[in-house]
Amino acid sequence: MFKRYTNKYARWIRILAFVITIVGFIVGLYIWFDDLNDNFLHFLTSVFYSIIPSIFLLGFAEVIEILYRIHLRLEFTAEDKTLFDETSESE
């Protein structure tokens, strides 16, 4: 399921986001079915408050993955080229 992520930290943050969403939904269902009198709003707030951090965590995982891929691409191209000429530094 998470094979497109090459960075392990991005993969773990994405799993954490899904766990937070599932736990928030289960807690919301528990609150709603605990007492069926006017607790639907509490269910919605519980789900809403678990989805918002999950969206931020998914975005953070994407940023980590994109930066990691940029790093790998730059590292691969830097192996063929010398970045600094030692004679130009002394001048």
Protein backbone atom coordinates (compact mmCIF):
# COMPACT_ATOMS: atom_id res chain seq x y z
CA MET A 1 0.00 0.00 0.00
CA PHE A 2 2.84 2.42 0.79
CA LYS A 3 5.27 1.23 -1.88
CA ARG A 4 5.42 4.56 -3.66
CA TYR A 5 7.04 6.13 -0.61
CA THR A 6 10.77 5.52 -0.58
CA ASN A 7 11.45 7.42 2.63
CA LYS A 8 10.63 5.46 5.77
CA TYR A 9 9.74 8.58 7.79
CA ALA A 10 7.20 9.70 5.20
CA ARG A 11 5.73 6.20 5.22
CA TRP A 12 5.38 6.19 9.02
CA ILE A 13 3.84 9.66 9.11
CA ARG A 14 1.28 8.59 6.52
CA ILE A 15 0.40 5.50 8.57
CA LEU A 16 0.05 7.73 11.65
CA ALA A 17 -2.36 9.99 9.76
CA PHE A 18 -4.58 7.05 8.84
CA VAL A 19 -4.50 5.74 12.43
CA ILE A 20 -5.55 9.15 13.78
CA THR A 21 -8.47 9.27 11.33
CA ILE A 22 -9.66 5.76 12.22
CA VAL A 23 -9.36 6.36 15.97
CA GLY A 24 -11.22 9.67 15.69
CA PHE A 25 -14.02 7.98 13.75
CA ILE A 26 -14.29 5.15 16.30
CA VAL A 27 -14.34 7.61 19.22
CA GLY A 28 -17.02 9.62 17.42
CA LEU A 29 -19.14 6.51 16.92
CA TYR A 30 -18.71 5.60 20.58
CA ILE A 31 -19.83 9.07 21.65
CA TRP A 32 -22.78 8.98 19.27
CA PHE A 33 -24.04 5.55 20.29
CA ASP A 34 -23.39 6.08 23.99
CA ASP A 35 -26.45 8.24 24.30
CA LEU A 36 -28.48 8.82 21.15
CA ASN A 37 -29.98 12.10 22.40
CA ASP A 38 -28.39 14.97 20.45
CA ASN A 39 -24.90 13.51 20.22
CA PHE A 40 -24.62 13.59 16.45
CA LEU A 41 -22.93 16.97 16.65
CA HIS A 42 -20.32 15.49 19.00
CA PHE A 43 -19.74 12.72 16.46
CA LEU A 44 -19.18 15.27 13.69
CA THR A 45 -16.79 17.35 15.79
CA SER A 46 -14.80 14.27 16.76
CA VAL A 47 -14.46 13.22 13.13
CA PHE A 48 -13.65 16.79 12.06
CA TYR A 49 -10.97 17.14 14.74
CA SER A 50 -9.34 13.92 13.63
CA ILE A 51 -9.46 14.64 9.89
CA ILE A 52 -7.81 18.08 10.08
CA PRO A 53 -4.55 16.85 11.73
CA SER A 54 -4.55 13.88 9.37
CA ILE A 55 -4.63 16.19 6.36
CA PHE A 56 -1.70 18.15 7.77
CA LEU A 57 0.24 14.95 8.48
CA LEU A 58 -0.38 13.67 4.95
CA GLY A 59 0.88 16.97 3.56
CA PHE A 60 3.93 16.80 5.80
CA ALA A 61 4.64 13.25 4.57
CA GLU A 62 4.39 14.44 0.97
CA VAL A 63 6.82 17.29 1.64
CA ILE A 64 9.30 14.89 3.24
CA GLU A 65 9.00 12.50 0.30
CA ILE A 66 9.44 15.24 -2.30
CA LEU A 67 12.49 16.66 -0.53
CA TYR A 68 13.96 13.18 -0.21
CA ARG A 69 13.52 12.52 -3.93
CA ILE A 70 15.12 15.88 -4.76
CA HIS A 71 18.02 14.95 -2.49
CA LEU A 72 18.45 11.60 -4.23
CA ARG A 73 18.34 13.22 -7.66
CA LEU A 74 20.95 15.84 -6.69
CA GLU A 75 23.15 13.21 -5.06
CA PHE A 76 23.03 11.10 -8.22
CA THR A 77 23.98 13.99 -10.49
CA ALA A 78 26.70 15.23 -8.09
CA GLU A 79 28.59 11.95 -8.35
CA ASP A 80 29.54 12.72 -11.95
CA LYS A 81 30.51 16.36 -11.45
CA THR A 82 32.90 18.11 -9.13
CA LEU A 83 31.09 20.91 -7.36
CA PHE A 84 34.07 23.14 -6.58
CA ASP A 85 37.36 23.61 -8.29
CA GLU A 86 40.10 23.71 -5.67
CA THR A 87 42.25 26.16 -7.65
CA SER A 88 39.49 28.75 -7.87
CA GLU A 89 38.99 28.76 -4.10
CA SER A 90 42.58 29.82 -3.39
CA GLU A 91 42.46 32.79 -5.75
